């Protein structure tokens, strides 16, 4: 459930990496290829940062769910 965002980002990362690998096969102007390569590398770094952030937030998300379940259990215990 919480891993879905990470899997989506990893799929995007694989796509960007594939495009980055295919730059050398393109028949474009070298300066245009350099700019495109730079853009893809920046996008790759941003995706890596997003993946790291999502992985860091997993314990917080699990803790939040546990807290909500505990509060609901206490509320049900008090009213029963």
PDB file of N, CA and C in Angstrom:
ATOM      1  N   UNK A   1       0.833  -1.187   0.000  1.00  0.00           N
ATOM      2  CA  UNK A   1       0.000   0.000   0.000  1.00  0.00           C
ATOM      3  C   UNK A   1       0.878   1.251   0.000  1.00  0.00           C
ATOM      4  N   UNK A   2       1.844   1.312   0.889  1.00  0.00           N
ATOM      5  CA  UNK A   2       2.701   2.493   0.962  1.00  0.00           C
ATOM      6  C   UNK A   2       3.844   2.423  -0.042  1.00  0.00           C
ATOM      7  N   UNK A   3       4.092   1.242  -0.567  1.00  0.00           N
ATOM      8  CA  UNK A   3       5.197   1.058  -1.503  1.00  0.00           C
ATOM      9  C   UNK A   3       4.816   1.453  -2.933  1.00  0.00           C
ATOM     10  N   UNK A   4       3.547   1.728  -3.191  1.00  0.00           N
ATOM     11  CA  UNK A   4       3.088   2.025  -4.548  1.00  0.00           C
ATOM     12  C   UNK A   4       3.799   3.239  -5.135  1.00  0.00           C
ATOM     13  N   UNK A   5       3.934   4.292  -4.374  1.00  0.00           N
ATOM     14  CA  UNK A   5       4.597   5.512  -4.853  1.00  0.00           C
ATOM     15  C   UNK A   5       6.069   5.230  -5.181  1.00  0.00           C
ATOM     16  N   UNK A   6       6.717   4.429  -4.350  1.00  0.00           N
ATOM     17  CA  UNK A   6       8.120   4.090  -4.585  1.00  0.00           C
ATOM     18  C   UNK A   6       8.256   3.282  -5.871  1.00  0.00           C
ATOM     19  N   UNK A   7       7.343   2.346  -6.081  1.00  0.00           N
ATOM     20  CA  UNK A   7       7.397   1.536  -7.304  1.00  0.00           C
ATOM     21  C   UNK A   7       7.158   2.394  -8.546  1.00  0.00           C
ATOM     22  N   UNK A   8       6.244   3.347  -8.451  1.00  0.00           N
ATOM     23  CA  UNK A   8       5.995   4.252  -9.582  1.00  0.00           C
ATOM     24  C   UNK A   8       7.235   5.094  -9.880  1.00  0.00           C
ATOM     25  N   UNK A   9       7.866   5.606  -8.838  1.00  0.00           N
ATOM     26  CA  UNK A   9       9.073   6.415  -9.024  1.00  0.00           C
ATOM     27  C   UNK A   9      10.222   5.587  -9.591  1.00  0.00           C
ATOM     28  N   UNK A  10      10.331   4.340  -9.167  1.00  0.00           N
ATOM     29  CA  UNK A  10      11.386   3.479  -9.709  1.00  0.00           C
ATOM     30  C   UNK A  10      11.136   3.160 -11.178  1.00  0.00           C
ATOM     31  N   UNK A  11       9.862   3.028 -11.572  1.00  0.00           N
ATOM     32  CA  UNK A  11       9.554   2.806 -12.980  1.00  0.00           C
ATOM     33  C   UNK A  11       9.901   4.045 -13.818  1.00  0.00           C
ATOM     34  N   UNK A  12       9.604   5.220 -13.286  1.00  0.00           N
ATOM     35  CA  UNK A  12       9.965   6.466 -13.972  1.00  0.00           C
ATOM     36  C   UNK A  12      11.477   6.595 -14.063  1.00  0.00           C
ATOM     37  N   UNK A  13      12.162   6.215 -12.996  1.00  0.00           N
ATOM     38  CA  UNK A  13      13.626   6.275 -12.985  1.00  0.00           C
ATOM     39  C   UNK A  13      14.211   5.358 -14.051  1.00  0.00           C
ATOM     40  N   UNK A  14      13.655   4.161 -14.194  1.00  0.00           N
ATOM     41  CA  UNK A  14      14.139   3.224 -15.214  1.00  0.00           C
ATOM     42  C   UNK A  14      13.914   3.783 -16.617  1.00  0.00           C
ATOM     43  N   UNK A  15      12.774   4.450 -16.827  1.00  0.00           N
ATOM     44  CA  UNK A  15      12.486   5.063 -18.130  1.00  0.00           C
ATOM     45  C   UNK A  15      13.473   6.185 -18.440  1.00  0.00           C
ATOM     46  N   UNK A  16      13.737   7.026 -17.460  1.00  0.00           N
ATOM     47  CA  UNK A  16      14.684   8.133 -17.658  1.00  0.00           C
ATOM     48  C   UNK A  16      16.088   7.585 -17.898  1.00  0.00           C
ATOM     49  N   UNK A  17      16.453   6.542 -17.162  1.00  0.00           N
ATOM     50  CA  UNK A  17      17.772   5.939 -17.352  1.00  0.00           C
ATOM     51  C   UNK A  17      17.904   5.341 -18.751  1.00  0.00           C
ATOM     52  N   UNK A  18      16.829   4.735 -19.247  1.00  0.00           N
ATOM     53  CA  UNK A  18      16.838   4.176 -20.606  1.00  0.00           C
ATOM     54  C   UNK A  18      17.012   5.283 -21.642  1.00  0.00           C
ATOM     55  N   UNK A  19      16.304   6.395 -21.451  1.00  0.00           N
ATOM     56  CA  UNK A  19      16.465   7.519 -22.375  1.00  0.00           C
ATOM     57  C   UNK A  19      17.870   8.098 -22.300  1.00  0.00           C
ATOM     58  N   UNK A  20      18.431   8.119 -21.101  1.00  0.00           N
ATOM     59  CA  UNK A  20      19.793   8.621 -20.930  1.00  0.00           C
ATOM     60  C   UNK A  20      20.800   7.719 -21.645  1.00  0.00           C
ATOM     61  N   UNK A  21      20.560   6.418 -21.601  1.00  0.00           N
ATOM     62  CA  UNK A  21      21.442   5.480 -22.286  1.00  0.00           C
ATOM     63  C   UNK A  21      21.306   5.571 -23.806  1.00  0.00           C
ATOM     64  N   UNK A  22      20.141   5.961 -24.288  1.00  0.00           N
ATOM     65  CA  UNK A  22      19.896   6.030 -25.735  1.00  0.00           C
ATOM     66  C   UNK A  22      20.351   7.341 -26.371  1.00  0.00           C
ATOM     67  N   UNK A  23      20.856   8.266 -25.600  1.00  0.00           N
ATOM     68  CA  UNK A  23      21.295   9.555 -26.148  1.00  0.00           C
ATOM     69  C   UNK A  23      22.434   9.357 -27.143  1.00  0.00           C
ATOM     70  N   UNK A  24      23.309   8.429 -26.854  1.00  0.00           N
ATOM     71  CA  UNK A  24      24.496   8.241 -27.692  1.00  0.00           C
ATOM     72  C   UNK A  24      24.133   7.749 -29.088  1.00  0.00           C
ATOM     73  N   UNK A  25      22.970   7.115 -29.237  1.00  0.00           N
ATOM     74  CA  UNK A  25      22.542   6.609 -30.542  1.00  0.00           C
ATOM     75  C   UNK A  25      21.852   7.670 -31.388  1.00  0.00           C
ATOM     76  N   UNK A  26      21.524   8.798 -30.805  1.00  0.00           N
ATOM     77  CA  UNK A  26      20.777   9.836 -31.521  1.00  0.00           C
ATOM     78  C   UNK A  26      21.687  10.572 -32.507  1.00  0.00           C
ATOM     79  N   UNK A  27      21.075  10.972 -33.623  1.00  0.00           N
ATOM     80  CA  UNK A  27      21.800  11.737 -34.643  1.00  0.00           C
ATOM     81  C   UNK A  27      21.434  13.210 -34.530  1.00  0.00           C
ATOM     82  N   UNK A  28      21.751  13.793 -33.403  1.00  0.00           N
ATOM     83  CA  UNK A  28      21.429  15.198 -33.176  1.00  0.00           C
ATOM     84  C   UNK A  28      22.724  15.981 -32.985  1.00  0.00           C
ATOM     85  N   UNK A  29      22.563  17.295 -32.932  1.00  0.00           N
ATOM     86  CA  UNK A  29      23.693  18.176 -32.691  1.00  0.00           C
ATOM     87  C   UNK A  29      24.285  17.870 -31.311  1.00  0.00           C
ATOM     88  N   UNK A  30      25.596  17.801 -31.196  1.00  0.00           N
ATOM     89  CA  UNK A  30      26.205  17.470 -29.895  1.00  0.00           C
ATOM     90  C   UNK A  30      25.822  18.428 -28.768  1.00  0.00           C
ATOM     91  N   UNK A  31      25.641  19.694 -29.071  1.00  0.00           N
ATOM     92  CA  UNK A  31      25.259  20.630 -28.008  1.00  0.00           C
ATOM     93  C   UNK A  31      23.829  20.371 -27.540  1.00  0.00           C
ATOM     94  N   UNK A  32      22.953  19.999 -28.464  1.00  0.00           N
ATOM     95  CA  UNK A  32      21.571  19.673 -28.098  1.00  0.00           C
ATOM     96  C   UNK A  32      21.556  18.389 -27.261  1.00  0.00           C
ATOM     97  N   UNK A  33      22.360  17.413 -27.665  1.00  0.00           N
ATOM     98  CA  UNK A  33      22.446  16.174 -26.897  1.00  0.00           C
ATOM     99  C   UNK A  33      22.988  16.428 -25.497  1.00  0.00           C
ATOM    100  N   UNK A  34      23.952  17.337 -25.373  1.00  0.00           N
ATOM    101  CA  UNK A  34      24.519  17.650 -24.061  1.00  0.00           C
ATOM    102  C   UNK A  34      23.481  18.294 -23.148  1.00  0.00           C
ATOM    103  N   UNK A  35      22.681  19.195 -23.704  1.00  0.00           N
ATOM    104  CA  UNK A  35      21.635  19.845 -22.906  1.00  0.00           C
ATOM    105  C   UNK A  35      20.586  18.824 -22.478  1.00  0.00           C
ATOM    106  N   UNK A  36      20.183  17.955 -23.403  1.00  0.00           N
ATOM    107  CA  UNK A  36      19.190  16.929 -23.092  1.00  0.00           C
ATOM    108  C   UNK A  36      19.732  15.952 -22.047  1.00  0.00           C
ATOM    109  N   UNK A  37      21.006  15.596 -22.164  1.00  0.00           N
ATOM    110  CA  UNK A  37      21.629  14.708 -21.203  1.00  0.00           C
ATOM    111  C   UNK A  37      21.661  15.357 -19.816  1.00  0.00           C
ATOM    112  N   UNK A  38      21.979  16.625 -19.777  1.00  0.00           N
ATOM    113  CA  UNK A  38      22.001  17.345 -18.511  1.00  0.00           C
ATOM    114  C   UNK A  38      20.608  17.385 -17.878  1.00  0.00           C
ATOM    115  N   UNK A  39      19.591  17.632 -18.701  1.00  0.00           N
ATOM    116  CA  UNK A  39      18.218  17.652 -18.189  1.00  0.00           C
ATOM    117  C   UNK A  39      17.810  16.292 -17.629  1.00  0.00           C
ATOM    118  N   UNK A  40      18.174  15.231 -18.339  1.00  0.00           N
ATOM    119  CA  UNK A  40      17.824  13.893 -17.867  1.00  0.00           C
ATOM    120  C   UNK A  40      18.570  13.538 -16.588  1.00  0.00           C
ATOM    121  N   UNK A  41      19.820  13.943 -16.485  1.00  0.00           N
ATOM    122  CA  UNK A  41      20.571  13.677 -15.260  1.00  0.00           C
ATOM    123  C   UNK A  41      19.977  14.424 -14.077  1.00  0.00           C
ATOM    124  N   UNK A  42      19.537  15.656 -14.303  1.00  0.00           N
ATOM    125  CA  UNK A  42      18.887  16.416 -13.234  1.00  0.00           C
ATOM    126  C   UNK A  42      17.582  15.741 -12.811  1.00  0.00           C
ATOM    127  N   UNK A  43      16.815  15.289 -13.799  1.00  0.00           N
ATOM    128  CA  UNK A  43      15.564  14.612 -13.491  1.00  0.00           C
ATOM    129  C   UNK A  43      15.827  13.321 -12.712  1.00  0.00           C
ATOM    130  N   UNK A  44      16.892  12.629 -13.067  1.00  0.00           N
ATOM    131  CA  UNK A  44      17.260  11.404 -12.370  1.00  0.00           C
ATOM    132  C   UNK A  44      17.612  11.684 -10.909  1.00  0.00           C
ATOM    133  N   UNK A  45      18.329  12.770 -10.669  1.00  0.00           N
ATOM    134  CA  UNK A  45      18.673  13.152  -9.290  1.00  0.00           C
ATOM    135  C   UNK A  45      17.409  13.520  -8.512  1.00  0.00           C
ATOM    136  N   UNK A  46      16.500  14.229  -9.133  1.00  0.00           N
ATOM    137  CA  UNK A  46      15.242  14.595  -8.460  1.00  0.00           C
ATOM    138  C   UNK A  46      14.424  13.359  -8.112  1.00  0.00           C
ATOM    139  N   UNK A  47      14.382  12.395  -9.020  1.00  0.00           N
ATOM    140  CA  UNK A  47      13.646  11.161  -8.765  1.00  0.00           C
ATOM    141  C   UNK A  47      14.302  10.378  -7.629  1.00  0.00           C
ATOM    142  N   UNK A  48      15.634  10.323  -7.621  1.00  0.00           N
ATOM    143  CA  UNK A  48      16.334   9.647  -6.528  1.00  0.00           C
ATOM    144  C   UNK A  48      16.021  10.306  -5.185  1.00  0.00           C
ATOM    145  N   UNK A  49      15.976  11.627  -5.166  1.00  0.00           N
ATOM    146  CA  UNK A  49      15.633  12.341  -3.929  1.00  0.00           C
ATOM    147  C   UNK A  49      14.204  12.019  -3.493  1.00  0.00           C
ATOM    148  N   UNK A  50      13.287  11.940  -4.450  1.00  0.00           N
ATOM    149  CA  UNK A  50      11.898  11.621  -4.119  1.00  0.00           C
ATOM    150  C   UNK A  50      11.780  10.196  -3.582  1.00  0.00           C
ATOM    151  N   UNK A  51      12.524   9.273  -4.162  1.00  0.00           N
ATOM    152  CA  UNK A  51      12.505   7.891  -3.676  1.00  0.00           C
ATOM    153  C   UNK A  51      13.070   7.826  -2.259  1.00  0.00           C
ATOM    154  N   UNK A  52      14.172   8.517  -2.019  1.00  0.00           N
ATOM    155  CA  UNK A  52      14.756   8.542  -0.670  1.00  0.00           C
ATOM    156  C   UNK A  52      13.783   9.140   0.344  1.00  0.00           C
ATOM    157  N   UNK A  53      13.087  10.207  -0.048  1.00  0.00           N
ATOM    158  CA  UNK A  53      12.112  10.840   0.842  1.00  0.00           C
ATOM    159  C   UNK A  53      10.979   9.875   1.172  1.00  0.00           C
ATOM    160  N   UNK A  54      10.463   9.191   0.154  1.00  0.00           N
ATOM    161  CA  UNK A  54       9.371   8.243   0.390  1.00  0.00           C
ATOM    162  C   UNK A  54       9.819   7.106   1.303  1.00  0.00           C
ATOM    163  N   UNK A  55      11.043   6.643   1.131  1.00  0.00           N
ATOM    164  CA  UNK A  55      11.550   5.572   2.001  1.00  0.00           C
ATOM    165  C   UNK A  55      11.747   6.062   3.433  1.00  0.00           C
ATOM    166  N   UNK A  56      12.167   7.324   3.591  1.00  0.00           N
ATOM    167  CA  UNK A  56      12.328   7.879   4.937  1.00  0.00           C
ATOM    168  C   UNK A  56      10.977   8.069   5.617  1.00  0.00           C
ATOM    169  N   UNK A  57       9.933   8.338   4.858  1.00  0.00           N
ATOM    170  CA  UNK A  57       8.622   8.595   5.437  1.00  0.00           C
ATOM    171  C   UNK A  57       7.846   7.322   5.759  1.00  0.00           C
ATOM    172  N   UNK A  58       8.307   6.161   5.297  1.00  0.00           N
ATOM    173  CA  UNK A  58       7.586   4.917   5.578  1.00  0.00           C
ATOM    174  C   UNK A  58       7.405   4.650   7.071  1.00  0.00           C
ATOM    175  N   UNK A  59       8.440   4.764   7.903  1.00  0.00           N
ATOM    176  CA  UNK A  59       8.207   4.537   9.341  1.00  0.00           C
ATOM    177  C   UNK A  59       7.199   5.526   9.936  1.00  0.00           C
ATOM    178  N   UNK A  60       7.222   6.766   9.471  1.00  0.00           N
ATOM    179  CA  UNK A  60       6.262   7.750   9.961  1.00  0.00           C
ATOM    180  C   UNK A  60       4.839   7.347   9.575  1.00  0.00           C
ATOM    181  N   UNK A  61       4.654   6.886   8.354  1.00  0.00           N
ATOM    182  CA  UNK A  61       3.323   6.476   7.908  1.00  0.00           C
ATOM    183  C   UNK A  61       2.821   5.282   8.709  1.00  0.00           C
ATOM    184  N   UNK A  62       3.701   4.307   8.938  1.00  0.00           N
ATOM    185  CA  UNK A  62       3.298   3.144   9.730  1.00  0.00           C
ATOM    186  C   UNK A  62       2.980   3.548  11.166  1.00  0.00           C
ATOM    187  N   UNK A  63       3.749   4.449  11.732  1.00  0.00           N
ATOM    188  CA  UNK A  63       3.495   4.926  13.089  1.00  0.00           C
ATOM    189  C   UNK A  63       2.177   5.679  13.163  1.00  0.00           C
ATOM    190  N   UNK A  64       1.886   6.469  12.164  1.00  0.00           N
ATOM    191  CA  UNK A  64       0.627   7.209  12.131  1.00  0.00           C
ATOM    192  C   UNK A  64      -0.567   6.261  12.071  1.00  0.00           C
ATOM    193  N   UNK A  65      -0.476   5.235  11.258  1.00  0.00           N
ATOM    194  CA  UNK A  65      -1.560   4.247  11.174  1.00  0.00           C
ATOM    195  C   UNK A  65      -1.723   3.529  12.517  1.00  0.00           C
ATOM    196  N   UNK A  66      -0.611   3.157  13.143  1.00  0.00           N
ATOM    197  CA  UNK A  66      -0.684   2.490  14.448  1.00  0.00           C
ATOM    198  C   UNK A  66      -1.306   3.407  15.496  1.00  0.00           C
ATOM    199  N   UNK A  67      -0.974   4.685  15.456  1.00  0.00           N
ATOM    200  CA  UNK A  67      -1.539   5.642  16.404  1.00  0.00           C
ATOM    201  C   UNK A  67      -3.052   5.763  16.211  1.00  0.00           C
ATOM    202  N   UNK A  68      -3.488   5.854  14.977  1.00  0.00           N
ATOM    203  CA  UNK A  68      -4.929   5.972  14.694  1.00  0.00           C
ATOM    204  C   UNK A  68      -5.656   4.719  15.165  1.00  0.00           C
ATOM    205  N   UNK A  69      -5.098   3.566  14.917  1.00  0.00           N
ATOM    206  CA  UNK A  69      -5.726   2.316  15.360  1.00  0.00           C
ATOM    207  C   UNK A  69      -5.782   2.273  16.886  1.00  0.00           C
ATOM    208  N   UNK A  70      -4.728   2.700  17.557  1.00  0.00           N
ATOM    209  CA  UNK A  70      -4.712   2.701  19.023  1.00  0.00           C
ATOM    210  C   UNK A  70      -5.756   3.664  19.581  1.00  0.00           C
ATOM    211  N   UNK A  71      -5.880   4.832  18.970  1.00  0.00           N
ATOM    212  CA  UNK A  71      -6.878   5.807  19.435  1.00  0.00           C
ATOM    213  C   UNK A  71      -8.283   5.255  19.230  1.00  0.00           C
ATOM    214  N   UNK A  72      -8.526   4.652  18.088  1.00  0.00           N
ATOM    215  CA  UNK A  72      -9.856   4.068  17.848  1.00  0.00           C
ATOM    216  C   UNK A  72     -10.145   2.950  18.827  1.00  0.00           C
ATOM    217  N   UNK A  73      -9.128   2.155  19.154  1.00  0.00           N
ATOM    218  CA  UNK A  73      -9.322   1.077  20.132  1.00  0.00           C
ATOM    219  C   UNK A  73      -9.641   1.629  21.515  1.00  0.00           C
ATOM    220  N   UNK A  74      -8.936   2.716  21.895  1.00  0.00           N
ATOM    221  CA  UNK A  74      -9.230   3.330  23.184  1.00  0.00           C
ATOM    222  C   UNK A  74     -10.628   3.938  23.223  1.00  0.00           C
ATOM    223  N   UNK A  75     -11.041   4.553  22.156  1.00  0.00           N
ATOM    224  CA  UNK A  75     -12.384   5.150  22.101  1.00  0.00           C
ATOM    225  C   UNK A  75     -13.436   4.052  22.197  1.00  0.00           C
ATOM    226  N   UNK A  76     -13.229   2.961  21.477  1.00  0.00           N
ATOM    227  CA  UNK A  76     -14.188   1.860  21.542  1.00  0.00           C
ATOM    228  C   UNK A  76     -14.200   1.229  22.936  1.00  0.00           C
ATOM    229  N   UNK A  77     -13.046   1.128  23.577  1.00  0.00           N
ATOM    230  CA  UNK A  77     -12.974   0.565  24.916  1.00  0.00           C
ATOM    231  C   UNK A  77     -13.710   1.441  25.939  1.00  0.00           C
ATOM    232  N   UNK A  78     -13.611   2.749  25.789  1.00  0.00           N
ATOM    233  CA  UNK A  78     -14.254   3.660  26.737  1.00  0.00           C
ATOM    234  C   UNK A  78     -15.770   3.650  26.595  1.00  0.00           C
ATOM    235  N   UNK A  79     -16.289   3.455  25.417  1.00  0.00           N
ATOM    236  CA  UNK A  79     -17.726   3.534  25.209  1.00  0.00           C
ATOM    237  C   UNK A  79     -18.416   2.184  25.260  1.00  0.00           C
ATOM    238  N   UNK A  80     -17.679   1.123  25.482  1.00  0.00           N
ATOM    239  CA  UNK A  80     -18.320  -0.196  25.569  1.00  0.00           C
ATOM    240  C   UNK A  80     -18.432  -0.649  26.989  1.00  0.00           C
TER     241      UNK A  80
END
